[in-house]
Protein backbone atom coordinates (compact mmCIF):
# COMPACT_ATOMS: atom_id res chain seq x y z
CA UNK A 1 -22.03 -24.13 14.66
CA UNK A 2 -22.32 -20.41 16.72
CA UNK A 3 -20.22 -19.72 18.78
CA UNK A 4 -20.99 -20.40 21.95
CA UNK A 5 -19.05 -20.95 25.83
CA UNK A 6 -16.48 -24.18 24.74
CA UNK A 7 -16.50 -23.18 21.43
CA UNK A 8 -12.95 -23.50 18.92
CA UNK A 9 -12.43 -20.49 17.11
CA UNK A 10 -9.84 -20.18 14.24
CA UNK A 11 -9.29 -16.72 13.24
CA UNK A 12 -7.64 -13.84 11.07
CA UNK A 13 -6.72 -10.62 12.18
CA UNK A 14 -5.26 -7.56 11.55
CA UNK A 15 -4.07 -4.83 14.92
CA UNK A 16 -3.74 -1.21 14.18
CA UNK A 17 -3.24 1.68 16.00
CA UNK A 18 -5.05 4.62 17.13
CA UNK A 19 -3.86 6.50 14.00
CA UNK A 20 -4.81 3.95 11.43
CA UNK A 21 -1.14 1.93 11.46
CA UNK A 22 -1.52 -1.71 10.88
CA UNK A 23 0.72 -3.53 14.01
CA UNK A 24 0.20 -6.41 12.57
CA UNK A 25 -1.20 -8.69 10.60
CA UNK A 26 -2.10 -12.87 10.74
CA UNK A 27 -2.18 -14.35 7.18
CA UNK A 28 -2.35 -17.73 9.55
CA UNK A 29 -5.31 -18.38 11.13
CA UNK A 30 -5.12 -19.07 15.16
CA UNK A 31 -7.06 -21.06 17.63
CA UNK A 32 -8.33 -19.87 21.16
CA UNK A 33 -11.08 -21.64 23.42
CA UNK A 34 -13.79 -19.50 24.02
CA UNK A 35 -15.82 -19.53 26.90
CA UNK A 36 -14.05 -17.27 30.31
CA UNK A 37 -10.69 -18.94 28.94
CA UNK A 38 -8.24 -16.16 28.91
CA UNK A 39 -7.54 -17.04 24.98
CA UNK A 40 -7.99 -13.68 23.94
CA UNK A 41 -9.00 -10.18 24.79
CA UNK A 42 -12.16 -10.62 26.58
CA UNK A 43 -13.86 -7.34 24.91
CA UNK A 44 -13.07 -9.05 21.24
CA UNK A 45 -14.39 -12.83 22.44
CA UNK A 46 -17.33 -10.54 23.76
CA UNK A 47 -18.23 -9.07 19.93
CA UNK A 48 -17.45 -13.24 19.09
CA UNK A 49 -20.21 -14.74 20.91
CA UNK A 50 -22.89 -16.66 18.86
CA UNK A 51 -20.83 -15.17 15.35
CA UNK A 52 -20.86 -17.69 12.35
CA UNK A 53 -17.89 -18.63 10.57
CA UNK A 54 -17.82 -15.72 7.81
CA UNK A 55 -18.81 -13.40 10.07
CA UNK A 56 -16.05 -10.59 10.57
CA UNK A 57 -16.36 -7.68 13.47
CA UNK A 58 -14.40 -5.12 14.70
CA UNK A 59 -13.50 -4.22 18.79
CA UNK A 60 -11.29 -0.78 19.66
CA UNK A 61 -9.48 -1.74 21.91
CA UNK A 62 -9.09 0.82 25.63
CA UNK A 63 -5.11 0.07 26.86
CA UNK A 64 -6.48 -1.78 30.19
CA UNK A 65 -8.84 -3.49 28.01
CA UNK A 66 -5.54 -5.01 25.96
CA UNK A 67 -1.86 -4.83 27.15
CA UNK A 68 -2.79 -1.63 29.97
CA UNK A 69 -1.79 1.56 31.29
CA UNK A 70 2.21 1.90 30.51
CA UNK A 71 4.30 1.57 33.80
CA UNK A 72 6.71 3.92 34.06
CA UNK A 73 8.02 2.01 37.29
CA UNK A 74 8.76 -0.75 34.85
CA UNK A 75 11.40 1.11 33.36
CA UNK A 76 15.21 0.55 35.56
CA UNK A 77 18.40 1.21 34.21
CA UNK A 78 20.98 -1.52 35.61
CA UNK A 79 24.61 -2.02 35.09
CA UNK A 80 26.04 -2.43 31.60
CA UNK A 81 28.61 -5.39 33.43
CA UNK A 82 24.95 -6.90 34.85
CA UNK A 83 24.84 -8.32 31.07
CA UNK A 84 26.60 -9.79 28.45
CA UNK A 85 29.28 -7.35 26.72
CA UNK A 86 27.15 -7.75 23.46
CA UNK A 87 24.24 -6.68 24.86
CA UNK A 88 22.58 -4.27 22.57
CA UNK A 89 18.91 -2.48 21.66
CA UNK A 90 16.03 -4.86 21.53
CA UNK A 91 17.47 -7.20 23.28
CA UNK A 92 14.24 -9.54 25.36
CA UNK A 93 15.64 -10.45 29.10
CA UNK A 94 13.73 -12.51 31.94
CA UNK A 95 14.03 -10.91 35.08
CA UNK A 96 11.50 -9.86 38.74
CA UNK A 97 10.63 -5.86 38.97
CA UNK A 98 13.25 -4.60 41.73
CA UNK A 99 10.06 -3.71 43.64
CA UNK A 100 8.99 -7.37 43.44
CA UNK A 101 9.05 -9.72 46.10
CA UNK A 102 6.69 -12.08 44.43
CA UNK A 103 8.05 -14.65 41.61
CA UNK A 104 6.39 -12.90 39.35
CA UNK A 105 8.73 -12.66 36.23
CA UNK A 106 8.87 -9.95 33.86
CA UNK A 107 10.03 -9.35 30.31
CA UNK A 108 12.40 -7.02 29.83
CA UNK A 109 12.94 -5.32 26.56
CA UNK A 110 16.35 -3.24 26.38
CA UNK A 111 16.25 0.49 25.35
CA UNK A 112 18.71 2.86 25.89
CA UNK A 113 22.43 0.72 26.19
CA UNK A 114 25.51 3.64 27.35
CA UNK A 115 29.49 2.31 28.63
CA UNK A 116 28.26 1.99 32.08
CA UNK A 117 23.95 1.72 32.04
CA UNK A 118 21.57 -0.48 30.57
CA UNK A 119 17.80 0.86 29.89
CA UNK A 120 15.17 -2.22 30.22
CA UNK A 121 11.56 -1.63 29.78
CA UNK A 122 9.19 -3.84 31.62
CA UNK A 123 6.03 -2.91 29.57
CA UNK A 124 4.35 -5.63 26.83
CA UNK A 125 5.62 -2.55 23.73
CA UNK A 126 1.51 -2.09 23.13
CA UNK A 127 0.63 -1.10 25.95
CA UNK A 128 -1.25 1.96 27.10
CA UNK A 129 -2.03 2.18 23.10
CA UNK A 130 -5.40 2.35 22.15
CA UNK A 131 -5.83 -0.05 19.12
CA UNK A 132 -8.55 -2.10 16.86
CA UNK A 133 -8.70 -5.89 15.99
CA UNK A 134 -10.26 -6.37 13.05
CA UNK A 135 -10.85 -10.39 13.20
CA UNK A 136 -13.06 -13.01 10.58
CA UNK A 137 -13.74 -16.03 12.49
CA UNK A 138 -12.88 -18.93 9.92
CA UNK A 139 -13.77 -22.13 11.84
CA UNK A 140 -15.28 -23.08 14.54
CA UNK A 141 -15.90 -26.63 16.56
CA UNK A 142 -16.83 -28.13 19.98
CA UNK A 143 -14.38 -28.45 22.51
CA UNK A 144 -12.27 -31.86 22.74
CA UNK A 145 -12.81 -33.11 26.91
CA UNK A 146 -9.36 -32.14 26.80
CA UNK A 147 -9.80 -29.23 25.68
CA UNK A 148 -11.57 -27.80 28.39
CA UNK A 149 -9.68 -29.96 30.59
CA UNK A 150 -6.58 -28.24 30.55
CA UNK A 151 -8.46 -24.34 29.45
CA UNK A 152 -7.03 -24.19 26.23
CA UNK A 153 -6.51 -25.09 21.93
CA UNK A 154 -4.48 -28.74 21.19
CA UNK A 155 -3.12 -28.45 17.77
CA UNK A 156 -3.95 -31.98 16.08
CA UNK A 157 -1.96 -34.96 17.86
CA UNK A 158 0.25 -32.73 19.53
CA UNK A 159 -0.16 -30.91 23.60
CA UNK A 160 1.85 -28.21 24.21
CA UNK A 161 1.81 -25.79 27.37
């Protein structure tokens, strides 16, 4: 079966930065619903269209094609008293940007802690980076009616959102 709209695609992938450093490699296959359901980067989906099990592809993603440009305004300095006593670099907290008047929340990562302040960054860790996505197709099947209705893949016997 070839990959086309409304098929479930299984694949293994590796993600590299612009220097060729391996950032991520998955041993377990991932699955996504093919055909514009936002389950994978659009350029990768485009490259996989009409491929079959066993086929591979490599796609270079500019920041706008992956995790976006780095936005300096998403780095905020907050009062230390607004955080738990054990706050440490690398911890993550959900919150709305200061200049935001909508209900969109971001995941902020603590990047610096001192006696009076905590600096958090709302950018994705890979924002602003050019990436190379290498993958191999390990499975293709028709999506179920329920998957199509919900716009995402369901694990066998479970339905998680």
